[in-house]
Amino acid sequence: MDTDTPAEAALGRTSKEEANVATVLKMFNDGWGTNAGWENVWRAYVAPNVRTYFHSHPPMEGLDAAMAFNAELFAGFPSLRMTVEATIAEEDTVIVRGRLNGAQDGPFLGAPASGAAVDVPDVTLFRLEDGKIVESRYFTDLLAVMTAIGAVETRN
């Protein structure tokens, strides 16, 4: 997993911002949903009362709901990889920009497995309190994903 470049690490972040970035990158590295034991990493770095947003879905309340949703997403893309391209930190907020790529080898948001590959941009905003993630807001090109896996028809 790619992480901060030396130039990004030298952007004058406070020690708290650096710690927050380290927590978030730990989630992307060790807590990635295709890794064995990802659940233990989530329990260590995500607050029990976390609020998670995924596009226009209603917010998910609590760690158990967030973990169940994460497991469902990765069941659809069991080989999904994330390349972190940049991180931005300001006070209690960390933003991660990257790219997702992998094949849809399981059901995803109601679409059956297609075997189709996806490669899309990704942005996640995190808010942390006392070193734990208390809020995440996830954005990707969901239309491109759903089109690639054949869940959305395109017009010619």
N, C-alpha and C. Protein backbone atom coordinates (compact mmCIF):
# COMPACT_ATOMS: atom_id res chain seq x y z
N MET A 1 0.86 -1.17 0.00
CA MET A 1 0.00 0.00 0.00
C MET A 1 0.90 1.22 0.00
N ASP A 2 0.64 2.12 -0.91
CA ASP A 2 1.40 3.36 -0.95
C ASP A 2 0.89 4.29 0.14
N THR A 3 1.81 5.07 0.72
CA THR A 3 1.43 6.02 1.76
C THR A 3 2.01 7.37 1.41
N ASP A 4 2.09 8.26 2.41
CA ASP A 4 2.61 9.61 2.18
C ASP A 4 3.97 9.60 1.51
N THR A 5 4.17 10.54 0.63
CA THR A 5 5.50 10.77 0.09
C THR A 5 6.27 11.60 1.11
N PRO A 6 7.61 11.65 1.05
CA PRO A 6 8.36 12.48 2.00
C PRO A 6 7.91 13.94 1.95
N ALA A 7 7.56 14.43 0.76
CA ALA A 7 7.11 15.83 0.67
C ALA A 7 5.82 16.04 1.45
N GLU A 8 4.89 15.07 1.37
CA GLU A 8 3.65 15.21 2.12
C GLU A 8 3.90 15.16 3.62
N ALA A 9 4.80 14.32 4.04
CA ALA A 9 5.09 14.19 5.47
C ALA A 9 5.70 15.46 6.04
N ALA A 10 6.28 16.28 5.18
CA ALA A 10 6.96 17.50 5.65
C ALA A 10 6.10 18.74 5.47
N LEU A 11 4.81 18.59 5.42
CA LEU A 11 3.93 19.73 5.16
C LEU A 11 3.64 20.56 6.40
N GLY A 12 4.35 20.35 7.46
CA GLY A 12 4.14 21.15 8.66
C GLY A 12 2.95 20.71 9.48
N ARG A 13 2.64 19.44 9.48
CA ARG A 13 1.54 18.93 10.28
C ARG A 13 1.93 18.96 11.75
N THR A 14 0.93 19.13 12.58
CA THR A 14 1.15 19.04 14.02
C THR A 14 1.35 17.58 14.39
N SER A 15 1.82 17.32 15.59
CA SER A 15 2.00 15.93 16.03
C SER A 15 0.65 15.21 16.10
N LYS A 16 -0.40 15.93 16.47
CA LYS A 16 -1.74 15.32 16.50
C LYS A 16 -2.20 14.96 15.09
N GLU A 17 -1.95 15.85 14.13
CA GLU A 17 -2.32 15.55 12.74
C GLU A 17 -1.54 14.35 12.22
N GLU A 18 -0.24 14.28 12.54
CA GLU A 18 0.57 13.13 12.12
C GLU A 18 0.03 11.84 12.73
N ALA A 19 -0.34 11.91 14.00
CA ALA A 19 -0.90 10.73 14.66
C ALA A 19 -2.22 10.31 14.01
N ASN A 20 -3.05 11.28 13.66
CA ASN A 20 -4.32 10.98 13.00
C ASN A 20 -4.09 10.35 11.63
N VAL A 21 -3.14 10.90 10.86
CA VAL A 21 -2.81 10.32 9.56
C VAL A 21 -2.31 8.89 9.75
N ALA A 22 -1.46 8.65 10.73
CA ALA A 22 -0.94 7.31 10.99
C ALA A 22 -2.07 6.34 11.31
N THR A 23 -3.05 6.77 12.09
CA THR A 23 -4.20 5.92 12.42
C THR A 23 -4.98 5.56 11.17
N VAL A 24 -5.26 6.57 10.35
CA VAL A 24 -6.03 6.33 9.13
C VAL A 24 -5.26 5.42 8.17
N LEU A 25 -3.97 5.64 8.01
CA LEU A 25 -3.19 4.78 7.11
C LEU A 25 -3.09 3.36 7.66
N LYS A 26 -3.09 3.20 8.97
CA LYS A 26 -3.12 1.86 9.57
C LYS A 26 -4.41 1.14 9.15
N MET A 27 -5.50 1.89 9.09
CA MET A 27 -6.76 1.30 8.65
C MET A 27 -6.67 0.85 7.19
N PHE A 28 -6.05 1.67 6.33
CA PHE A 28 -5.93 1.30 4.92
C PHE A 28 -4.94 0.16 4.71
N ASN A 29 -3.92 0.09 5.53
CA ASN A 29 -2.92 -0.96 5.38
C ASN A 29 -3.37 -2.25 6.05
N ASP A 30 -3.52 -2.23 7.37
CA ASP A 30 -3.81 -3.45 8.12
C ASP A 30 -5.30 -3.73 8.26
N GLY A 31 -6.13 -2.68 8.18
CA GLY A 31 -7.56 -2.84 8.35
C GLY A 31 -8.33 -2.95 7.05
N TRP A 32 -7.60 -3.10 5.94
CA TRP A 32 -8.24 -3.24 4.63
C TRP A 32 -9.05 -4.53 4.64
N GLY A 33 -10.25 -4.49 4.11
CA GLY A 33 -11.21 -5.58 4.22
C GLY A 33 -10.83 -6.88 3.56
N THR A 34 -9.77 -6.92 2.75
CA THR A 34 -9.32 -8.18 2.16
C THR A 34 -8.24 -8.84 3.02
N ASN A 35 -7.79 -8.16 4.07
CA ASN A 35 -6.74 -8.69 4.94
C ASN A 35 -7.32 -9.55 6.05
N ALA A 36 -6.67 -10.65 6.34
CA ALA A 36 -7.07 -11.47 7.48
C ALA A 36 -6.92 -10.63 8.75
N GLY A 37 -7.90 -10.70 9.62
CA GLY A 37 -7.84 -9.99 10.89
C GLY A 37 -8.18 -8.51 10.82
N TRP A 38 -8.73 -8.05 9.70
CA TRP A 38 -9.05 -6.62 9.58
C TRP A 38 -10.00 -6.17 10.69
N GLU A 39 -10.86 -7.07 11.14
CA GLU A 39 -11.83 -6.71 12.17
C GLU A 39 -11.15 -6.25 13.46
N ASN A 40 -10.04 -6.89 13.82
CA ASN A 40 -9.31 -6.52 15.04
C ASN A 40 -8.73 -5.12 14.92
N VAL A 41 -8.27 -4.76 13.73
CA VAL A 41 -7.73 -3.42 13.51
C VAL A 41 -8.85 -2.39 13.65
N TRP A 42 -10.01 -2.68 13.10
CA TRP A 42 -11.14 -1.77 13.23
C TRP A 42 -11.51 -1.58 14.69
N ARG A 43 -11.55 -2.66 15.45
CA ARG A 43 -11.91 -2.55 16.87
C ARG A 43 -10.90 -1.70 17.64
N ALA A 44 -9.65 -1.71 17.19
CA ALA A 44 -8.61 -0.95 17.88
C ALA A 44 -8.62 0.54 17.51
N TYR A 45 -9.02 0.88 16.27
CA TYR A 45 -8.85 2.25 15.79
C TYR A 45 -10.15 2.99 15.48
N VAL A 46 -11.28 2.31 15.57
CA VAL A 46 -12.57 2.94 15.27
C VAL A 46 -13.40 2.97 16.55
N ALA A 47 -14.00 4.13 16.81
CA ALA A 47 -14.82 4.29 18.03
C ALA A 47 -16.09 3.45 17.93
N PRO A 48 -16.56 2.94 19.05
CA PRO A 48 -17.79 2.13 19.04
C PRO A 48 -19.00 2.89 18.49
N ASN A 49 -19.01 4.22 18.65
CA ASN A 49 -20.15 5.03 18.21
C ASN A 49 -19.89 5.70 16.85
N VAL A 50 -19.00 5.14 16.03
CA VAL A 50 -18.67 5.73 14.74
C VAL A 50 -19.92 5.92 13.88
N ARG A 51 -19.91 6.97 13.11
CA ARG A 51 -20.97 7.23 12.12
C ARG A 51 -20.31 7.15 10.76
N THR A 52 -20.86 6.30 9.87
CA THR A 52 -20.28 6.05 8.56
C THR A 52 -21.27 6.43 7.47
N TYR A 53 -20.77 7.17 6.49
CA TYR A 53 -21.59 7.60 5.34
C TYR A 53 -21.03 6.95 4.07
N PHE A 54 -21.91 6.40 3.25
CA PHE A 54 -21.53 5.83 1.96
C PHE A 54 -22.50 6.37 0.92
N HIS A 55 -22.04 7.30 0.13
CA HIS A 55 -22.85 7.94 -0.91
C HIS A 55 -24.20 8.37 -0.33
N SER A 56 -25.28 8.01 -0.98
CA SER A 56 -26.59 8.48 -0.55
C SER A 56 -27.28 7.51 0.41
N HIS A 57 -26.60 6.45 0.81
CA HIS A 57 -27.18 5.53 1.79
C HIS A 57 -27.38 6.27 3.11
N PRO A 58 -28.35 5.88 3.89
CA PRO A 58 -28.50 6.48 5.22
C PRO A 58 -27.23 6.22 6.04
N PRO A 59 -26.88 7.13 6.95
CA PRO A 59 -25.68 6.90 7.75
C PRO A 59 -25.80 5.63 8.58
N MET A 60 -24.68 4.94 8.73
CA MET A 60 -24.62 3.76 9.57
C MET A 60 -24.15 4.19 10.94
N GLU A 61 -24.81 3.71 11.96
CA GLU A 61 -24.50 4.08 13.34
C GLU A 61 -23.82 2.92 14.04
N GLY A 62 -22.62 3.15 14.53
CA GLY A 62 -21.93 2.17 15.35
C GLY A 62 -20.94 1.32 14.58
N LEU A 63 -19.99 0.80 15.34
CA LEU A 63 -18.91 -0.01 14.79
C LEU A 63 -19.42 -1.29 14.15
N ASP A 64 -20.34 -1.97 14.79
CA ASP A 64 -20.84 -3.23 14.24
C ASP A 64 -21.49 -3.03 12.88
N ALA A 65 -22.29 -1.97 12.73
CA ALA A 65 -22.94 -1.69 11.44
C ALA A 65 -21.90 -1.35 10.38
N ALA A 66 -20.90 -0.56 10.74
CA ALA A 66 -19.85 -0.19 9.78
C ALA A 66 -19.06 -1.41 9.34
N MET A 67 -18.75 -2.28 10.28
CA MET A 67 -17.99 -3.49 9.95
C MET A 67 -18.81 -4.44 9.08
N ALA A 68 -20.09 -4.57 9.36
CA ALA A 68 -20.96 -5.44 8.55
C ALA A 68 -21.05 -4.91 7.12
N PHE A 69 -21.18 -3.61 6.96
CA PHE A 69 -21.25 -3.02 5.63
C PHE A 69 -19.92 -3.20 4.91
N ASN A 70 -18.81 -2.99 5.60
CA ASN A 70 -17.49 -3.18 5.01
C ASN A 70 -17.31 -4.62 4.53
N ALA A 71 -17.73 -5.57 5.35
CA ALA A 71 -17.62 -6.98 4.98
C ALA A 71 -18.44 -7.28 3.73
N GLU A 72 -19.62 -6.67 3.64
CA GLU A 72 -20.48 -6.86 2.47
C GLU A 72 -19.83 -6.30 1.21
N LEU A 73 -19.23 -5.12 1.32
CA LEU A 73 -18.57 -4.52 0.15
C LEU A 73 -17.40 -5.38 -0.32
N PHE A 74 -16.60 -5.86 0.62
CA PHE A 74 -15.43 -6.66 0.24
C PHE A 74 -15.81 -8.06 -0.20
N ALA A 75 -16.98 -8.55 0.17
CA ALA A 75 -17.46 -9.83 -0.36
C ALA A 75 -17.69 -9.70 -1.86
N GLY A 76 -18.09 -8.52 -2.30
CA GLY A 76 -18.28 -8.28 -3.72
C GLY A 76 -16.97 -8.10 -4.49
N PHE A 77 -15.97 -7.58 -3.80
CA PHE A 77 -14.66 -7.33 -4.41
C PHE A 77 -13.56 -7.91 -3.52
N PRO A 78 -13.43 -9.24 -3.47
CA PRO A 78 -12.50 -9.85 -2.53
C PRO A 78 -11.02 -9.60 -2.85
N SER A 79 -10.72 -9.11 -4.04
CA SER A 79 -9.32 -8.82 -4.39
C SER A 79 -9.08 -7.31 -4.53
N LEU A 80 -10.01 -6.50 -4.05
CA LEU A 80 -9.91 -5.05 -4.21
C LEU A 80 -8.66 -4.50 -3.53
N ARG A 81 -7.94 -3.64 -4.23
CA ARG A 81 -6.75 -2.99 -3.70
C ARG A 81 -6.94 -1.48 -3.73
N MET A 82 -6.28 -0.81 -2.82
CA MET A 82 -6.34 0.65 -2.73
C MET A 82 -4.92 1.17 -2.80
N THR A 83 -4.70 2.14 -3.67
CA THR A 83 -3.42 2.85 -3.72
C THR A 83 -3.67 4.25 -3.18
N VAL A 84 -3.04 4.58 -2.07
CA VAL A 84 -3.17 5.92 -1.49
C VAL A 84 -2.29 6.85 -2.30
N GLU A 85 -2.90 7.91 -2.84
CA GLU A 85 -2.16 8.88 -3.64
C GLU A 85 -1.82 10.14 -2.86
N ALA A 86 -2.64 10.49 -1.87
CA ALA A 86 -2.37 11.70 -1.08
C ALA A 86 -3.17 11.66 0.20
N THR A 87 -2.64 12.33 1.21
CA THR A 87 -3.38 12.53 2.45
C THR A 87 -3.32 14.01 2.80
N ILE A 88 -4.41 14.49 3.36
CA ILE A 88 -4.49 15.88 3.83
C ILE A 88 -4.99 15.81 5.26
N ALA A 89 -4.35 16.54 6.14
CA ALA A 89 -4.76 16.54 7.55
C ALA A 89 -4.91 17.96 8.04
N GLU A 90 -6.00 18.20 8.74
CA GLU A 90 -6.22 19.49 9.39
C GLU A 90 -6.97 19.24 10.68
N GLU A 91 -6.31 19.51 11.78
CA GLU A 91 -6.87 19.29 13.11
C GLU A 91 -7.36 17.85 13.25
N ASP A 92 -8.67 17.62 13.42
CA ASP A 92 -9.20 16.28 13.65
C ASP A 92 -9.66 15.58 12.36
N THR A 93 -9.39 16.19 11.21
CA THR A 93 -9.86 15.65 9.94
C THR A 93 -8.69 15.15 9.09
N VAL A 94 -8.87 13.97 8.50
CA VAL A 94 -7.90 13.42 7.55
C VAL A 94 -8.66 13.04 6.30
N ILE A 95 -8.13 13.46 5.16
CA ILE A 95 -8.72 13.11 3.86
C ILE A 95 -7.72 12.25 3.12
N VAL A 96 -8.18 11.14 2.58
CA VAL A 96 -7.34 10.23 1.81
C VAL A 96 -7.89 10.17 0.39
N ARG A 97 -7.00 10.43 -0.57
CA ARG A 97 -7.35 10.31 -1.99
C ARG A 97 -6.55 9.16 -2.55
N GLY A 98 -7.22 8.31 -3.32
CA GLY A 98 -6.53 7.17 -3.91
C GLY A 98 -7.27 6.58 -5.08
N ARG A 99 -6.85 5.37 -5.45
CA ARG A 99 -7.49 4.62 -6.54
C ARG A 99 -7.79 3.22 -6.05
N LEU A 100 -8.95 2.74 -6.46
CA LEU A 100 -9.39 1.38 -6.17
C LEU A 100 -9.33 0.57 -7.45
N ASN A 101 -8.82 -0.66 -7.34
CA ASN A 101 -8.90 -1.55 -8.50
C ASN A 101 -9.04 -2.99 -8.02
N GLY A 102 -9.82 -3.73 -8.77
CA GLY A 102 -10.07 -5.13 -8.45
C GLY A 102 -11.23 -5.64 -9.27
N ALA A 103 -11.54 -6.91 -9.11
CA ALA A 103 -12.62 -7.54 -9.87
C ALA A 103 -13.81 -7.83 -8.96
N GLN A 104 -14.99 -7.71 -9.53
CA GLN A 104 -16.22 -7.98 -8.79
C GLN A 104 -16.53 -9.47 -8.89
N ASP A 105 -16.03 -10.23 -7.91
CA ASP A 105 -16.18 -11.68 -7.92
C ASP A 105 -17.27 -12.16 -6.96
N GLY A 106 -18.04 -11.24 -6.42
CA GLY A 106 -19.16 -11.59 -5.54
C GLY A 106 -20.25 -10.56 -5.69
N PRO A 107 -21.39 -10.77 -5.04
CA PRO A 107 -22.49 -9.81 -5.15
C PRO A 107 -22.10 -8.45 -4.56
N PHE A 108 -22.57 -7.39 -5.20
CA PHE A 108 -22.24 -6.03 -4.76
C PHE A 108 -23.45 -5.13 -4.94
N LEU A 109 -23.98 -4.60 -3.84
CA LEU A 109 -25.13 -3.69 -3.86
C LEU A 109 -26.25 -4.22 -4.73
N GLY A 110 -26.54 -5.50 -4.59
CA GLY A 110 -27.64 -6.13 -5.32
C GLY A 110 -27.28 -6.66 -6.69
N ALA A 111 -26.07 -6.41 -7.18
CA ALA A 111 -25.65 -6.91 -8.49
C ALA A 111 -24.91 -8.23 -8.30
N PRO A 112 -25.25 -9.24 -9.11
CA PRO A 112 -24.54 -10.52 -8.99
C PRO A 112 -23.09 -10.39 -9.45
N ALA A 113 -22.27 -11.34 -9.06
CA ALA A 113 -20.87 -11.35 -9.46
C ALA A 113 -20.76 -11.30 -10.98
N SER A 114 -19.85 -10.45 -11.48
CA SER A 114 -19.67 -10.31 -12.92
C SER A 114 -18.27 -10.66 -13.37
N GLY A 115 -17.32 -10.66 -12.47
CA GLY A 115 -15.92 -10.87 -12.83
C GLY A 115 -15.28 -9.65 -13.46
N ALA A 116 -16.06 -8.57 -13.62
CA ALA A 116 -15.56 -7.36 -14.28
C ALA A 116 -14.58 -6.61 -13.37
N ALA A 117 -13.59 -6.02 -14.02
CA ALA A 117 -12.59 -5.23 -13.30
C ALA A 117 -13.05 -3.78 -13.18
N VAL A 118 -12.68 -3.17 -12.07
CA VAL A 118 -12.93 -1.75 -11.87
C VAL A 118 -11.61 -1.06 -11.52
N ASP A 119 -11.53 0.20 -11.90
CA ASP A 119 -10.39 1.05 -11.56
C ASP A 119 -10.95 2.46 -11.47
N VAL A 120 -11.15 2.92 -10.22
CA VAL A 120 -11.85 4.18 -10.01
C VAL A 120 -11.15 5.03 -8.95
N PRO A 121 -11.34 6.36 -9.03
CA PRO A 121 -10.82 7.23 -7.97
C PRO A 121 -11.64 7.06 -6.70
N ASP A 122 -11.03 7.43 -5.59
CA ASP A 122 -11.64 7.20 -4.29
C ASP A 122 -11.21 8.32 -3.34
N VAL A 123 -12.15 8.82 -2.55
CA VAL A 123 -11.84 9.81 -1.52
C VAL A 123 -12.61 9.43 -0.26
N THR A 124 -11.91 9.42 0.87
CA THR A 124 -12.57 9.17 2.15
C THR A 124 -12.16 10.26 3.13
N LEU A 125 -13.15 10.82 3.80
CA LEU A 125 -12.92 11.84 4.83
C LEU A 125 -13.14 11.18 6.18
N PHE A 126 -12.18 11.39 7.09
CA PHE A 126 -12.27 10.83 8.43
C PHE A 126 -12.24 11.96 9.45
N ARG A 127 -12.98 11.79 10.53
CA ARG A 127 -12.87 12.69 11.68
C ARG A 127 -12.51 11.82 12.87
N LEU A 128 -11.51 12.27 13.62
CA LEU A 128 -11.02 11.50 14.75
C LEU A 128 -11.18 12.28 16.05
N GLU A 129 -11.38 11.55 17.13
CA GLU A 129 -11.39 12.10 18.48
C GLU A 129 -10.58 11.17 19.36
N ASP A 130 -9.66 11.74 20.09
CA ASP A 130 -8.83 10.94 21.01
C ASP A 130 -8.18 9.76 20.31
N GLY A 131 -7.74 9.97 19.07
CA GLY A 131 -7.02 8.94 18.33
C GLY A 131 -7.87 7.86 17.69
N LYS A 132 -9.20 7.99 17.78
CA LYS A 132 -10.10 6.99 17.18
C LYS A 132 -10.96 7.64 16.12
N ILE A 133 -11.28 6.88 15.10
CA ILE A 133 -12.14 7.36 14.03
C ILE A 133 -13.58 7.38 14.55
N VAL A 134 -14.21 8.55 14.49
CA VAL A 134 -15.59 8.69 14.95
C VAL A 134 -16.56 8.96 13.80
N GLU A 135 -16.00 9.28 12.63
CA GLU A 135 -16.85 9.54 11.46
C GLU A 135 -16.04 9.27 10.20
N SER A 136 -16.68 8.65 9.22
CA SER A 136 -16.07 8.50 7.90
C SER A 136 -17.12 8.76 6.84
N ARG A 137 -16.65 9.41 5.78
CA ARG A 137 -17.51 9.71 4.63
C ARG A 137 -16.77 9.25 3.39
N TYR A 138 -17.36 8.29 2.69
CA TYR A 138 -16.69 7.61 1.60
C TYR A 138 -17.33 7.99 0.26
N PHE A 139 -16.47 8.36 -0.68
CA PHE A 139 -16.93 8.75 -2.01
C PHE A 139 -16.05 8.08 -3.07
N THR A 140 -16.69 7.48 -4.06
CA THR A 140 -15.99 6.95 -5.22
C THR A 140 -16.90 7.15 -6.41
N ASP A 141 -16.42 6.84 -7.59
CA ASP A 141 -17.24 6.97 -8.79
C ASP A 141 -18.13 5.74 -8.88
N LEU A 142 -19.17 5.74 -8.07
CA LEU A 142 -20.06 4.59 -7.98
C LEU A 142 -20.76 4.30 -9.30
N LEU A 143 -21.06 5.33 -10.08
CA LEU A 143 -21.67 5.09 -11.40
C LEU A 143 -20.71 4.31 -12.29
N ALA A 144 -19.43 4.65 -12.27
CA ALA A 144 -18.44 3.92 -13.07
C ALA A 144 -18.34 2.47 -12.60
N VAL A 145 -18.39 2.26 -11.30
CA VAL A 145 -18.33 0.90 -10.76
C VAL A 145 -19.54 0.10 -11.23
N MET A 146 -20.72 0.67 -11.03
CA MET A 146 -21.94 -0.05 -11.38
C MET A 146 -22.05 -0.29 -12.88
N THR A 147 -21.54 0.64 -13.69
CA THR A 147 -21.52 0.45 -15.14
C THR A 147 -20.55 -0.67 -15.51
N ALA A 148 -19.36 -0.65 -14.93
CA ALA A 148 -18.35 -1.66 -15.24
C ALA A 148 -18.82 -3.07 -14.92
N ILE A 149 -19.59 -3.22 -13.84
CA ILE A 149 -20.04 -4.56 -13.46
C ILE A 149 -21.37 -4.95 -14.10
N GLY A 150 -21.88 -4.08 -14.97
CA GLY A 150 -23.10 -4.39 -15.71
C GLY A 150 -24.38 -4.17 -14.95
N ALA A 151 -24.32 -3.44 -13.84
CA ALA A 151 -25.51 -3.18 -13.05
C ALA A 151 -26.28 -1.97 -13.55
N VAL A 152 -25.64 -1.16 -14.41
CA VAL A 152 -26.27 0.03 -14.99
C VAL A 152 -26.03 -0.02 -16.49
N GLU A 153 -27.09 0.16 -17.24
CA GLU A 153 -26.95 0.21 -18.69
C GLU A 153 -26.53 1.60 -19.12
N THR A 154 -25.73 1.66 -20.17
CA THR A 154 -25.34 2.95 -20.72
C THR A 154 -26.05 3.17 -22.03
N ARG A 155 -26.27 4.43 -22.33
CA ARG A 155 -26.91 4.79 -23.61
C ARG A 155 -25.82 5.01 -24.64
N ASN A 156 -26.11 4.63 -25.85
CA ASN A 156 -25.15 4.86 -26.95
C ASN A 156 -25.44 6.16 -27.65
